[in-house]
Amino acid sequence: MKEAMYWQPHNGKVKCLLCPQGCIIAEGNRGTCHVRQNFKGKLYSLNYGRATSVSMDPIEKKPLYHFHPGQMILSLGTVGCNFHCDFCQNWSISQSDDLQATEEITPQQAVKIARKYNSFGISYTYNEPFIWFEFVLENAKLAKEVGLKNVLVTNGFVQGEPLAEILPFIDAANIDLKALDDEFYKKICKGRLEPVLKTIKTMYGRAHIELTNLVIPTLNDGKEKISALVDWIASVGTDIPLHFSSYYPCYKMNLPRTPVSTLKTAREIAMKKLKYVYIGNVWNPESDITYCPACRKPVITRRGYNISDYKIKGGKCEYCGEKIDVVE
């Protein structure tokens, strides 16, 4: 437990200023994330230095296809989340407040493990890293000092001030853009859309970003909704890689799994506006390939999380010389 950052006293309670939920928390209670508690008039981070998982993952698993392709990264997660998505695929940790299921880890230990296993960096993932803010910030600073990269896998629901503080230490992020629909965010995720859009726009150009959209039948899979989502992304940057991910029944949602045909249609729509579009959570090798946006030849061929062919040299397509938006 560690005293939290970003809070203020509020009429005998405390108000958390970390994320746009803006929880007002009475003595002894926790915020909606389950891991920030009012204790004797101060706000504390209960999950500081507490991890549910410490493992080495392919960077492609995040998913990040354009950031150090083919490399392994140390991945850390904890409990809690500031969203409560009905379809959450990691609900057993994201919706948990069970700190007994975690193990202690310090930033020094995390960095030591990363170097021991030749990881090029550290990814803060599995649940929402922004509600682990104090630990992630300290860990990211230390990792940066020794030449490691820092990666966030996030819902992007954070206030501007903490984002600005941590951003200089972040090299890449995969951000969930669940729908371009505020009602979807309010009803299904118990959050709001606008702060997520603001985070994406803030991070673009300051760190490498890729976006993931979980395609859910009847909720966000209509062609008009996909087109609107793609148009907004393209307005920020046509070079932002987009991953359409297959939903499957989980947590509180029992809709049927997303048909592969729906994912392919979404990808076809997106490829008219964006340079790099992928499909995840299903076996579809063609949609895992990175194609040159100019000559359309495959420059990164993947089989699962493994790279079988790589045709980029000096950041350019080996066939035609077009710049490929990849951080090597």
C-alpha atoms as a PDB file:
ATOM      1  CA  MET A   1       0.000   0.000   0.000  1.00  0.00           C
ATOM      2  CA  LYS A   2       1.253   3.451  -0.925  1.00  0.00           C
ATOM      3  CA  GLU A   3      -0.255   6.913  -0.678  1.00  0.00           C
ATOM      4  CA  ALA A   4      -1.831   7.665  -4.021  1.00  0.00           C
ATOM      5  CA  MET A   5      -1.091  10.489  -6.391  1.00  0.00           C
ATOM      6  CA  TYR A   6      -3.825  12.665  -7.905  1.00  0.00           C
ATOM      7  CA  TRP A   7      -6.476  13.192  -5.248  1.00  0.00           C
ATOM      8  CA  GLN A   8      -7.826  15.967  -3.045  1.00  0.00           C
ATOM      9  CA  PRO A   9      -9.961  16.298   0.111  1.00  0.00           C
ATOM     10  CA  HIS A  10     -13.666  16.717  -0.647  1.00  0.00           C
ATOM     11  CA  ASN A  11     -16.230  17.556   2.047  1.00  0.00           C
ATOM     12  CA  GLY A  12     -14.871  15.076   4.562  1.00  0.00           C
ATOM     13  CA  LYS A  13     -14.192  12.504   1.866  1.00  0.00           C
ATOM     14  CA  VAL A  14     -11.505  12.261  -0.829  1.00  0.00           C
ATOM     15  CA  LYS A  15     -11.880  12.792  -4.551  1.00  0.00           C
ATOM     16  CA  CYS A  16      -9.705  10.739  -6.888  1.00  0.00           C
ATOM     17  CA  LEU A  17      -8.329  12.770  -9.802  1.00  0.00           C
ATOM     18  CA  LEU A  18      -6.549   9.956 -11.636  1.00  0.00           C
ATOM     19  CA  CYS A  19      -9.252   9.019 -14.118  1.00  0.00           C
ATOM     20  CA  PRO A  20     -12.454  10.639 -15.426  1.00  0.00           C
ATOM     21  CA  GLN A  21     -14.619   8.547 -13.098  1.00  0.00           C
ATOM     22  CA  GLY A  22     -13.758  11.173 -10.464  1.00  0.00           C
ATOM     23  CA  CYS A  23     -14.744   8.922  -7.572  1.00  0.00           C
ATOM     24  CA  ILE A  24     -15.685  10.640  -4.299  1.00  0.00           C
ATOM     25  CA  ILE A  25     -14.715   8.120  -1.642  1.00  0.00           C
ATOM     26  CA  ALA A  26     -15.847   7.984   1.977  1.00  0.00           C
ATOM     27  CA  GLU A  27     -13.634   6.784   4.837  1.00  0.00           C
ATOM     28  CA  GLY A  28     -12.814   3.088   4.456  1.00  0.00           C
ATOM     29  CA  ASN A  29     -14.331   2.810   0.981  1.00  0.00           C
ATOM     30  CA  ARG A  30     -12.710   2.173  -2.387  1.00  0.00           C
ATOM     31  CA  GLY A  31     -13.163   3.753  -5.799  1.00  0.00           C
ATOM     32  CA  THR A  32     -14.842   2.009  -8.712  1.00  0.00           C
ATOM     33  CA  CYS A  33     -11.469   0.509  -9.678  1.00  0.00           C
ATOM     34  CA  HIS A  34     -11.437  -1.478  -6.374  1.00  0.00           C
ATOM     35  CA  VAL A  35      -7.806  -0.585  -5.628  1.00  0.00           C
ATOM     36  CA  ARG A  36      -7.795   3.032  -4.378  1.00  0.00           C
ATOM     37  CA  GLN A  37      -9.040   3.450  -0.803  1.00  0.00           C
ATOM     38  CA  ASN A  38      -9.745   6.300   1.600  1.00  0.00           C
ATOM     39  CA  PHE A  39      -7.817   5.520   4.777  1.00  0.00           C
ATOM     40  CA  LYS A  40      -7.993   8.149   7.526  1.00  0.00           C
ATOM     41  CA  GLY A  41      -8.659  10.937   5.064  1.00  0.00           C
ATOM     42  CA  LYS A  42      -5.930  10.043   2.581  1.00  0.00           C
ATOM     43  CA  LEU A  43      -6.169   8.086  -0.672  1.00  0.00           C
ATOM     44  CA  TYR A  44      -4.006   4.991  -0.961  1.00  0.00           C
ATOM     45  CA  SER A  45      -3.072   2.706  -3.843  1.00  0.00           C
ATOM     46  CA  LEU A  46      -3.735  -0.794  -2.513  1.00  0.00           C
ATOM     47  CA  ASN A  47      -2.211  -2.607  -5.489  1.00  0.00           C
ATOM     48  CA  TYR A  48       1.139  -0.791  -5.451  1.00  0.00           C
ATOM     49  CA  GLY A  49       3.825  -3.431  -6.014  1.00  0.00           C
ATOM     50  CA  ARG A  50       1.254  -6.255  -6.201  1.00  0.00           C
ATOM     51  CA  ALA A  51       1.232  -8.402  -9.351  1.00  0.00           C
ATOM     52  CA  THR A  52      -1.084 -11.159 -10.541  1.00  0.00           C
ATOM     53  CA  SER A  53       1.182 -12.120 -13.417  1.00  0.00           C
ATOM     54  CA  VAL A  54       4.839 -11.734 -14.352  1.00  0.00           C
ATOM     55  CA  SER A  55       5.677 -13.418 -17.645  1.00  0.00           C
ATOM     56  CA  MET A  56       7.517 -13.133 -20.930  1.00  0.00           C
ATOM     57  CA  ASP A  57       5.230 -12.565 -23.931  1.00  0.00           C
ATOM     58  CA  PRO A  58       5.735 -11.954 -27.643  1.00  0.00           C
ATOM     59  CA  ILE A  59       5.196  -8.248 -28.299  1.00  0.00           C
ATOM     60  CA  GLU A  60       2.654  -9.322 -30.921  1.00  0.00           C
ATOM     61  CA  LYS A  61       0.410 -10.650 -28.122  1.00  0.00           C
ATOM     62  CA  LYS A  62      -0.321  -7.129 -26.796  1.00  0.00           C
ATOM     63  CA  PRO A  63      -1.108  -6.745 -29.764  1.00  0.00           C
ATOM     64  CA  LEU A  64       1.670  -4.540 -31.122  1.00  0.00           C
ATOM     65  CA  TYR A  65       2.668  -5.500 -34.670  1.00  0.00           C
ATOM     66  CA  HIS A  66       4.746  -2.427 -35.519  1.00  0.00           C
ATOM     67  CA  PHE A  67       6.913  -2.085 -32.411  1.00  0.00           C
ATOM     68  CA  HIS A  68      10.070  -4.231 -32.264  1.00  0.00           C
ATOM     69  CA  PRO A  69       8.459  -7.082 -34.226  1.00  0.00           C
ATOM     70  CA  GLY A  70       9.327 -10.611 -33.158  1.00  0.00           C
ATOM     71  CA  GLN A  71      10.764  -9.664 -29.769  1.00  0.00           C
ATOM     72  CA  MET A  72       9.789 -10.864 -26.297  1.00  0.00           C
ATOM     73  CA  ILE A  73       8.764  -8.471 -23.545  1.00  0.00           C
ATOM     74  CA  LEU A  74       8.349  -8.852 -19.794  1.00  0.00           C
ATOM     75  CA  SER A  75       4.657  -8.406 -19.012  1.00  0.00           C
ATOM     76  CA  LEU A  76       3.204  -7.355 -15.660  1.00  0.00           C
ATOM     77  CA  GLY A  77      -0.381  -7.116 -14.457  1.00  0.00           C
ATOM     78  CA  THR A  78      -2.295  -6.555 -11.236  1.00  0.00           C
ATOM     79  CA  VAL A  79      -5.969  -6.433 -10.179  1.00  0.00           C
ATOM     80  CA  GLY A  80      -8.641  -3.817 -10.788  1.00  0.00           C
ATOM     81  CA  CYS A  81      -9.991  -1.630 -13.584  1.00  0.00           C
ATOM     82  CA  ASN A  82     -11.801   1.689 -13.926  1.00  0.00           C
ATOM     83  CA  PHE A  83     -14.152   0.130 -16.510  1.00  0.00           C
ATOM     84  CA  HIS A  84     -16.639  -2.674 -15.903  1.00  0.00           C
ATOM     85  CA  CYS A  85     -17.166  -4.028 -19.411  1.00  0.00           C
ATOM     86  CA  ASP A  86     -19.893  -6.664 -19.617  1.00  0.00           C
ATOM     87  CA  PHE A  87     -17.750  -8.602 -22.118  1.00  0.00           C
ATOM     88  CA  CYS A  88     -14.401  -8.369 -20.302  1.00  0.00           C
ATOM     89  CA  GLN A  89     -12.095 -11.197 -21.340  1.00  0.00           C
ATOM     90  CA  ASN A  90      -9.796 -10.696 -18.337  1.00  0.00           C
ATOM     91  CA  TRP A  91     -12.586 -10.202 -15.786  1.00  0.00           C
ATOM     92  CA  SER A  92     -11.081 -12.588 -13.220  1.00  0.00           C
ATOM     93  CA  ILE A  93      -8.371 -10.008 -12.490  1.00  0.00           C
ATOM     94  CA  SER A  94      -9.793  -6.750 -13.855  1.00  0.00           C
ATOM     95  CA  GLN A  95     -12.974  -7.004 -11.784  1.00  0.00           C
ATOM     96  CA  SER A  96     -11.247  -8.435  -8.736  1.00  0.00           C
ATOM     97  CA  ASP A  97     -10.268  -6.715  -5.509  1.00  0.00           C
ATOM     98  CA  ASP A  98      -8.540  -9.810  -4.146  1.00  0.00           C
ATOM     99  CA  LEU A  99      -5.053  -8.623  -3.282  1.00  0.00           C
ATOM    100  CA  GLN A 100      -4.394 -11.986  -1.620  1.00  0.00           C
ATOM    101  CA  ALA A 101      -4.132 -13.425  -5.137  1.00  0.00           C
ATOM    102  CA  THR A 102      -1.168 -11.161  -5.912  1.00  0.00           C
ATOM    103  CA  GLU A 103       2.548 -11.380  -5.220  1.00  0.00           C
ATOM    104  CA  GLU A 104       4.845  -8.566  -4.173  1.00  0.00           C
ATOM    105  CA  ILE A 105       7.182  -7.071  -6.752  1.00  0.00           C
ATOM    106  CA  THR A 106       9.323  -3.935  -6.677  1.00  0.00           C
ATOM    107  CA  PRO A 107      10.412  -1.831  -9.654  1.00  0.00           C
ATOM    108  CA  GLN A 108      13.974  -2.976  -8.995  1.00  0.00           C
ATOM    109  CA  GLN A 109      12.917  -6.622  -9.150  1.00  0.00           C
ATOM    110  CA  ALA A 110      10.899  -6.073 -12.332  1.00  0.00           C
ATOM    111  CA  VAL A 111      13.844  -4.452 -14.090  1.00  0.00           C
ATOM    112  CA  LYS A 112      16.179  -7.200 -12.874  1.00  0.00           C
ATOM    113  CA  ILE A 113      13.852  -9.891 -14.245  1.00  0.00           C
ATOM    114  CA  ALA A 114      13.555  -8.085 -17.587  1.00  0.00           C
ATOM    115  CA  ARG A 115      17.325  -7.933 -17.979  1.00  0.00           C
ATOM    116  CA  LYS A 116      17.796 -11.525 -16.825  1.00  0.00           C
ATOM    117  CA  TYR A 117      15.511 -12.804 -19.582  1.00  0.00           C
ATOM    118  CA  ASN A 118      16.840 -10.423 -22.246  1.00  0.00           C
ATOM    119  CA  SER A 119      13.569  -8.543 -22.567  1.00  0.00           C
ATOM    120  CA  PHE A 120      13.774  -5.342 -24.573  1.00  0.00           C
ATOM    121  CA  GLY A 121      11.298  -3.725 -22.211  1.00  0.00           C
ATOM    122  CA  ILE A 122       8.376  -4.018 -19.814  1.00  0.00           C
ATOM    123  CA  SER A 123       4.691  -4.141 -20.715  1.00  0.00           C
ATOM    124  CA  TYR A 124       2.004  -3.141 -18.228  1.00  0.00           C
ATOM    125  CA  THR A 125      -0.936  -5.255 -19.311  1.00  0.00           C
ATOM    126  CA  TYR A 126      -3.586  -7.899 -18.485  1.00  0.00           C
ATOM    127  CA  ASN A 127      -5.680  -5.369 -16.533  1.00  0.00           C
ATOM    128  CA  GLU A 128      -5.799  -1.546 -16.679  1.00  0.00           C
ATOM    129  CA  PRO A 129      -2.317  -0.107 -16.015  1.00  0.00           C
ATOM    130  CA  PHE A 130      -3.487   3.438 -15.290  1.00  0.00           C
ATOM    131  CA  ILE A 131      -5.140   2.309 -12.032  1.00  0.00           C
ATOM    132  CA  TRP A 132      -1.676   0.948 -11.089  1.00  0.00           C
ATOM    133  CA  PHE A 133      -0.334   4.430 -11.744  1.00  0.00           C
ATOM    134  CA  GLU A 134       2.123   4.923  -8.893  1.00  0.00           C
ATOM    135  CA  PHE A 135       3.852   1.598  -9.493  1.00  0.00           C
ATOM    136  CA  VAL A 136       3.873   1.884 -13.285  1.00  0.00           C
ATOM    137  CA  LEU A 137       5.322   5.406 -13.130  1.00  0.00           C
ATOM    138  CA  GLU A 138       8.147   4.405 -10.789  1.00  0.00           C
ATOM    139  CA  ASN A 139       8.820   1.227 -12.741  1.00  0.00           C
ATOM    140  CA  ALA A 140       8.803   3.040 -16.085  1.00  0.00           C
ATOM    141  CA  LYS A 141      11.280   5.650 -14.856  1.00  0.00           C
ATOM    142  CA  LEU A 142      13.676   2.990 -13.606  1.00  0.00           C
ATOM    143  CA  ALA A 143      13.298   0.907 -16.762  1.00  0.00           C
ATOM    144  CA  LYS A 144      14.023   3.941 -18.904  1.00  0.00           C
ATOM    145  CA  GLU A 145      17.196   4.651 -16.939  1.00  0.00           C
ATOM    146  CA  VAL A 146      18.641   1.257 -17.900  1.00  0.00           C
ATOM    147  CA  GLY A 147      17.576   1.413 -21.548  1.00  0.00           C
ATOM    148  CA  LEU A 148      14.388  -0.664 -21.427  1.00  0.00           C
ATOM    149  CA  LYS A 149      11.239   0.259 -23.344  1.00  0.00           C
ATOM    150  CA  ASN A 150       7.874   0.768 -21.621  1.00  0.00           C
ATOM    151  CA  VAL A 151       4.581  -0.393 -23.112  1.00  0.00           C
ATOM    152  CA  LEU A 152       0.996   0.207 -21.956  1.00  0.00           C
ATOM    153  CA  VAL A 153      -1.996  -1.929 -22.907  1.00  0.00           C
ATOM    154  CA  THR A 154      -4.810   0.345 -21.824  1.00  0.00           C
ATOM    155  CA  ASN A 155      -8.404   1.483 -22.156  1.00  0.00           C
ATOM    156  CA  GLY A 156      -7.115   5.055 -22.353  1.00  0.00           C
ATOM    157  CA  PHE A 157      -9.474   6.296 -19.623  1.00  0.00           C
ATOM    158  CA  VAL A 158      -7.195   8.662 -17.725  1.00  0.00           C
ATOM    159  CA  GLN A 159      -7.074  12.356 -16.893  1.00  0.00           C
ATOM    160  CA  GLY A 160      -4.767  14.632 -18.860  1.00  0.00           C
ATOM    161  CA  GLU A 161      -2.425  15.565 -15.997  1.00  0.00           C
ATOM    162  CA  PRO A 162      -1.350  12.031 -14.998  1.00  0.00           C
ATOM    163  CA  LEU A 163      -1.099  11.100 -18.679  1.00  0.00           C
ATOM    164  CA  ALA A 164       1.227  14.045 -19.262  1.00  0.00           C
ATOM    165  CA  GLU A 165       3.375  12.994 -16.304  1.00  0.00           C
ATOM    166  CA  ILE A 166       3.858   9.395 -17.400  1.00  0.00           C
ATOM    167  CA  LEU A 167       3.990   9.898 -21.170  1.00  0.00           C
ATOM    168  CA  PRO A 168       7.693  10.889 -21.377  1.00  0.00           C
ATOM    169  CA  PHE A 169       8.553   7.409 -20.073  1.00  0.00           C
ATOM    170  CA  ILE A 170       6.211   5.466 -22.379  1.00  0.00           C
ATOM    171  CA  ASP A 171       7.469   4.183 -25.721  1.00  0.00           C
ATOM    172  CA  ALA A 172       4.392   2.413 -27.058  1.00  0.00           C
ATOM    173  CA  ALA A 173       0.776   1.629 -26.254  1.00  0.00           C
ATOM    174  CA  ASN A 174      -2.075  -0.451 -27.514  1.00  0.00           C
ATOM    175  CA  ILE A 175      -5.261   1.440 -26.705  1.00  0.00           C
ATOM    176  CA  ASP A 176      -8.728  -0.099 -26.800  1.00  0.00           C
ATOM    177  CA  LEU A 177     -11.203   1.910 -28.850  1.00  0.00           C
ATOM    178  CA  LYS A 178     -14.285  -0.110 -28.038  1.00  0.00           C
ATOM    179  CA  ALA A 179     -16.734   1.841 -30.206  1.00  0.00           C
ATOM    180  CA  LEU A 180     -17.220   5.363 -31.498  1.00  0.00           C
ATOM    181  CA  ASP A 181     -20.384   5.540 -29.421  1.00  0.00           C
ATOM    182  CA  ASP A 182     -20.685   7.198 -26.030  1.00  0.00           C
ATOM    183  CA  GLU A 183     -23.833   5.224 -25.172  1.00  0.00           C
ATOM    184  CA  PHE A 184     -21.900   1.993 -25.739  1.00  0.00           C
ATOM    185  CA  TYR A 185     -19.246   3.183 -23.299  1.00  0.00           C
ATOM    186  CA  LYS A 186     -21.819   4.266 -20.707  1.00  0.00           C
ATOM    187  CA  LYS A 187     -24.060   1.204 -20.908  1.00  0.00           C
ATOM    188  CA  ILE A 188     -21.615  -1.621 -21.651  1.00  0.00           C
ATOM    189  CA  CYS A 189     -18.353  -0.361 -20.119  1.00  0.00           C
ATOM    190  CA  LYS A 190     -19.537   2.032 -17.385  1.00  0.00           C
ATOM    191  CA  GLY A 191     -17.287   4.735 -18.784  1.00  0.00           C
ATOM    192  CA  ARG A 192     -17.250   7.507 -21.384  1.00  0.00           C
ATOM    193  CA  LEU A 193     -15.881   7.830 -24.900  1.00  0.00           C
ATOM    194  CA  GLU A 194     -14.478  11.367 -25.052  1.00  0.00           C
ATOM    195  CA  PRO A 195     -11.594  10.894 -22.566  1.00  0.00           C
ATOM    196  CA  VAL A 196     -10.451   7.851 -24.561  1.00  0.00           C
ATOM    197  CA  LEU A 197     -10.410   9.832 -27.796  1.00  0.00           C
ATOM    198  CA  LYS A 198      -8.453  12.572 -26.050  1.00  0.00           C
ATOM    199  CA  THR A 199      -5.872  10.054 -24.813  1.00  0.00           C
ATOM    200  CA  ILE A 200      -5.408   8.655 -28.321  1.00  0.00           C
ATOM    201  CA  LYS A 201      -4.913  12.121 -29.797  1.00  0.00           C
ATOM    202  CA  THR A 202      -2.516  13.087 -27.000  1.00  0.00           C
ATOM    203  CA  MET A 203      -0.379   9.968 -27.356  1.00  0.00           C
ATOM    204  CA  TYR A 204      -0.249   9.968 -31.155  1.00  0.00           C
ATOM    205  CA  GLY A 205       3.113  11.328 -32.245  1.00  0.00           C
ATOM    206  CA  ARG A 206       4.511  11.192 -28.709  1.00  0.00           C
ATOM    207  CA  ALA A 207       4.663   7.402 -28.472  1.00  0.00           C
ATOM    208  CA  HIS A 208       4.036   4.565 -30.881  1.00  0.00           C
ATOM    209  CA  ILE A 209       0.356   3.639 -30.684  1.00  0.00           C
ATOM    210  CA  GLU A 210      -1.827   0.888 -32.085  1.00  0.00           C
ATOM    211  CA  LEU A 211      -5.564   0.496 -31.517  1.00  0.00           C
ATOM    212  CA  THR A 212      -7.749  -2.533 -30.812  1.00  0.00           C
ATOM    213  CA  ASN A 213     -11.477  -2.784 -31.460  1.00  0.00           C
ATOM    214  CA  LEU A 214     -13.312  -5.812 -30.073  1.00  0.00           C
ATOM    215  CA  VAL A 215     -16.061  -6.497 -32.605  1.00  0.00           C
ATOM    216  CA  ILE A 216     -19.263  -7.610 -30.841  1.00  0.00           C
ATOM    217  CA  PRO A 217     -22.281  -8.893 -32.801  1.00  0.00           C
ATOM    218  CA  THR A 218     -25.260  -6.463 -32.812  1.00  0.00           C
ATOM    219  CA  LEU A 219     -23.481  -3.931 -30.572  1.00  0.00           C
ATOM    220  CA  ASN A 220     -20.656  -2.368 -32.602  1.00  0.00           C
ATOM    221  CA  ASP A 221     -20.326  -4.523 -35.738  1.00  0.00           C
ATOM    222  CA  GLY A 222     -22.557  -2.608 -38.176  1.00  0.00           C
ATOM    223  CA  LYS A 223     -20.885  -1.298 -41.322  1.00  0.00           C
ATOM    224  CA  GLU A 224     -21.870   2.278 -40.489  1.00  0.00           C
ATOM    225  CA  LYS A 225     -20.384   1.986 -37.005  1.00  0.00           C
ATOM    226  CA  ILE A 226     -17.167   0.458 -38.328  1.00  0.00           C
ATOM    227  CA  SER A 227     -16.921   3.185 -40.985  1.00  0.00           C
ATOM    228  CA  ALA A 228     -17.386   5.927 -38.391  1.00  0.00           C
ATOM    229  CA  LEU A 229     -14.709   4.377 -36.180  1.00  0.00           C
ATOM    230  CA  VAL A 230     -12.284   4.098 -39.091  1.00  0.00           C
ATOM    231  CA  ASP A 231     -12.982   7.650 -40.262  1.00  0.00           C
ATOM    232  CA  TRP A 232     -12.154   9.001 -36.822  1.00  0.00           C
ATOM    233  CA  ILE A 233      -8.910   7.016 -36.608  1.00  0.00           C
ATOM    234  CA  ALA A 234      -7.910   8.180 -40.089  1.00  0.00           C
ATOM    235  CA  SER A 235      -8.513  11.787 -39.012  1.00  0.00           C
ATOM    236  CA  VAL A 236      -5.843  11.298 -36.345  1.00  0.00           C
ATOM    237  CA  GLY A 237      -3.409   9.314 -38.491  1.00  0.00           C
ATOM    238  CA  THR A 238      -3.743   6.832 -41.358  1.00  0.00           C
ATOM    239  CA  ASP A 239      -0.533   5.188 -40.149  1.00  0.00           C
ATOM    240  CA  ILE A 240      -2.104   3.991 -36.867  1.00  0.00           C
ATOM    241  CA  PRO A 241      -2.304   0.171 -36.968  1.00  0.00           C
ATOM    242  CA  LEU A 242      -5.794  -1.126 -36.154  1.00  0.00           C
ATOM    243  CA  HIS A 243      -6.574  -4.592 -34.777  1.00  0.00           C
ATOM    244  CA  PHE A 244     -10.121  -5.945 -35.061  1.00  0.00           C
ATOM    245  CA  SER A 245     -10.448  -8.606 -32.381  1.00  0.00           C
ATOM    246  CA  SER A 246     -13.004 -11.398 -32.191  1.00  0.00           C
ATOM    247  CA  TYR A 247     -15.400 -11.326 -29.241  1.00  0.00           C
ATOM    248  CA  TYR A 248     -16.349 -14.569 -27.523  1.00  0.00           C
ATOM    249  CA  PRO A 249     -18.942 -15.057 -24.743  1.00  0.00           C
ATOM    250  CA  CYS A 250     -17.397 -14.069 -21.430  1.00  0.00           C
ATOM    251  CA  TYR A 251     -18.192 -12.552 -18.031  1.00  0.00           C
ATOM    252  CA  LYS A 252     -21.723 -11.068 -18.213  1.00  0.00           C
ATOM    253  CA  MET A 253     -22.249 -11.289 -21.978  1.00  0.00           C
ATOM    254  CA  ASN A 254     -23.578 -14.342 -23.800  1.00  0.00           C
ATOM    255  CA  LEU A 255     -23.920 -13.119 -27.368  1.00  0.00           C
ATOM    256  CA  PRO A 256     -22.590 -15.570 -29.988  1.00  0.00           C
ATOM    257  CA  ARG A 257     -18.948 -15.326 -31.019  1.00  0.00           C
ATOM    258  CA  THR A 258     -18.074 -12.859 -33.771  1.00  0.00           C
ATOM    259  CA  PRO A 259     -18.206 -14.543 -37.208  1.00  0.00           C
ATOM    260  CA  VAL A 260     -14.936 -14.423 -39.131  1.00  0.00           C
ATOM    261  CA  SER A 261     -16.875 -12.968 -42.065  1.00  0.00           C
ATOM    262  CA  THR A 262     -17.801  -9.941 -39.922  1.00  0.00           C
ATOM    263  CA  LEU A 263     -14.159  -9.367 -39.023  1.00  0.00           C
ATOM    264  CA  LYS A 264     -13.131  -9.630 -42.675  1.00  0.00           C
ATOM    265  CA  THR A 265     -15.783  -7.095 -43.661  1.00  0.00           C
ATOM    266  CA  ALA A 266     -14.563  -4.705 -40.962  1.00  0.00           C
ATOM    267  CA  ARG A 267     -11.004  -5.102 -42.208  1.00  0.00           C
ATOM    268  CA  GLU A 268     -12.044  -4.418 -45.811  1.00  0.00           C
ATOM    269  CA  ILE A 269     -13.783  -1.211 -44.731  1.00  0.00           C
ATOM    270  CA  ALA A 270     -10.788  -0.081 -42.691  1.00  0.00           C
ATOM    271  CA  MET A 271      -8.207  -0.805 -45.378  1.00  0.00           C
ATOM    272  CA  LYS A 272      -9.804   1.832 -47.595  1.00  0.00           C
ATOM    273  CA  LYS A 273      -8.672   4.511 -45.137  1.00  0.00           C
ATOM    274  CA  LEU A 274      -5.870   3.009 -43.000  1.00  0.00           C
ATOM    275  CA  LYS A 275      -2.496   1.585 -44.000  1.00  0.00           C
ATOM    276  CA  TYR A 276      -2.320  -1.334 -41.569  1.00  0.00           C
ATOM    277  CA  VAL A 277      -5.320  -3.404 -40.453  1.00  0.00           C
ATOM    278  CA  TYR A 278      -5.319  -6.795 -38.729  1.00  0.00           C
ATOM    279  CA  ILE A 279      -7.692  -9.412 -37.333  1.00  0.00           C
ATOM    280  CA  GLY A 280      -7.091 -11.064 -33.955  1.00  0.00           C
ATOM    281  CA  ASN A 281      -8.445 -13.880 -31.776  1.00  0.00           C
ATOM    282  CA  VAL A 282      -9.054 -16.058 -34.861  1.00  0.00           C
ATOM    283  CA  TRP A 283      -6.837 -18.104 -37.171  1.00  0.00           C
ATOM    284  CA  ASN A 284      -6.632 -16.059 -40.367  1.00  0.00           C
ATOM    285  CA  PRO A 285      -2.973 -15.888 -41.481  1.00  0.00           C
ATOM    286  CA  GLU A 286      -3.587 -13.432 -44.321  1.00  0.00           C
ATOM    287  CA  SER A 287      -4.848 -10.786 -41.894  1.00  0.00           C
ATOM    288  CA  ASP A 288      -1.704 -11.111 -39.753  1.00  0.00           C
ATOM    289  CA  ILE A 289       0.535  -9.998 -42.613  1.00  0.00           C
ATOM    290  CA  THR A 290       1.878  -6.456 -42.807  1.00  0.00           C
ATOM    291  CA  TYR A 291       1.640  -5.266 -46.396  1.00  0.00           C
ATOM    292  CA  CYS A 292       3.549  -2.382 -47.915  1.00  0.00           C
ATOM    293  CA  PRO A 293       0.986   0.421 -48.343  1.00  0.00           C
ATOM    294  CA  ALA A 294       2.519   1.309 -51.734  1.00  0.00           C
ATOM    295  CA  CYS A 295       3.301  -1.923 -53.612  1.00  0.00           C
ATOM    296  CA  ARG A 296       1.041  -4.168 -51.442  1.00  0.00           C
ATOM    297  CA  LYS A 297       3.686  -6.871 -51.125  1.00  0.00           C
ATOM    298  CA  PRO A 298       4.048  -8.628 -47.744  1.00  0.00           C
ATOM    299  CA  VAL A 299       6.832  -7.081 -45.670  1.00  0.00           C
ATOM    300  CA  ILE A 300       6.160  -8.926 -42.385  1.00  0.00           C
ATOM    301  CA  THR A 301       4.692 -12.423 -42.577  1.00  0.00           C
ATOM    302  CA  ARG A 302       3.474 -13.882 -39.295  1.00  0.00           C
ATOM    303  CA  ARG A 303       2.397 -17.337 -38.230  1.00  0.00           C
ATOM    304  CA  GLY A 304       0.666 -16.836 -34.932  1.00  0.00           C
ATOM    305  CA  TYR A 305       3.068 -14.763 -32.858  1.00  0.00           C
ATOM    306  CA  ASN A 306       6.095 -15.855 -34.897  1.00  0.00           C
ATOM    307  CA  ILE A 307       7.612 -13.964 -37.817  1.00  0.00           C
ATOM    308  CA  SER A 308       8.433 -16.182 -40.792  1.00  0.00           C
ATOM    309  CA  ASP A 309       9.531 -13.501 -43.255  1.00  0.00           C
ATOM    310  CA  TYR A 310      10.737  -9.920 -42.834  1.00  0.00           C
ATOM    311  CA  LYS A 311      11.238  -7.626 -45.812  1.00  0.00           C
ATOM    312  CA  ILE A 312      11.936  -4.272 -44.171  1.00  0.00           C
ATOM    313  CA  LYS A 313      15.396  -2.742 -44.265  1.00  0.00           C
ATOM    314  CA  GLY A 314      16.240   0.624 -42.787  1.00  0.00           C
ATOM    315  CA  GLY A 315      12.556   1.240 -42.154  1.00  0.00           C
ATOM    316  CA  LYS A 316      11.682   0.783 -45.828  1.00  0.00           C
ATOM    317  CA  CYS A 317      10.039  -1.861 -47.998  1.00  0.00           C
ATOM    318  CA  GLU A 318      12.743  -3.992 -49.629  1.00  0.00           C
ATOM    319  CA  TYR A 319      10.655  -4.240 -52.804  1.00  0.00           C
ATOM    320  CA  CYS A 320       9.804  -0.608 -53.569  1.00  0.00           C
ATOM    321  CA  GLY A 321      11.515   1.549 -50.947  1.00  0.00           C
ATOM    322  CA  GLU A 322       8.296   2.855 -49.379  1.00  0.00           C
ATOM    323  CA  LYS A 323       8.570   3.924 -45.725  1.00  0.00           C
ATOM    324  CA  ILE A 324       6.991   1.330 -43.429  1.00  0.00           C
ATOM    325  CA  ASP A 325       5.707   2.618 -40.102  1.00  0.00           C
ATOM    326  CA  VAL A 326       7.567   0.182 -37.859  1.00  0.00           C
ATOM    327  CA  VAL A 327       9.718   0.874 -34.801  1.00  0.00           C
ATOM    328  CA  GLU A 328      12.609  -1.592 -35.075  1.00  0.00           C
END
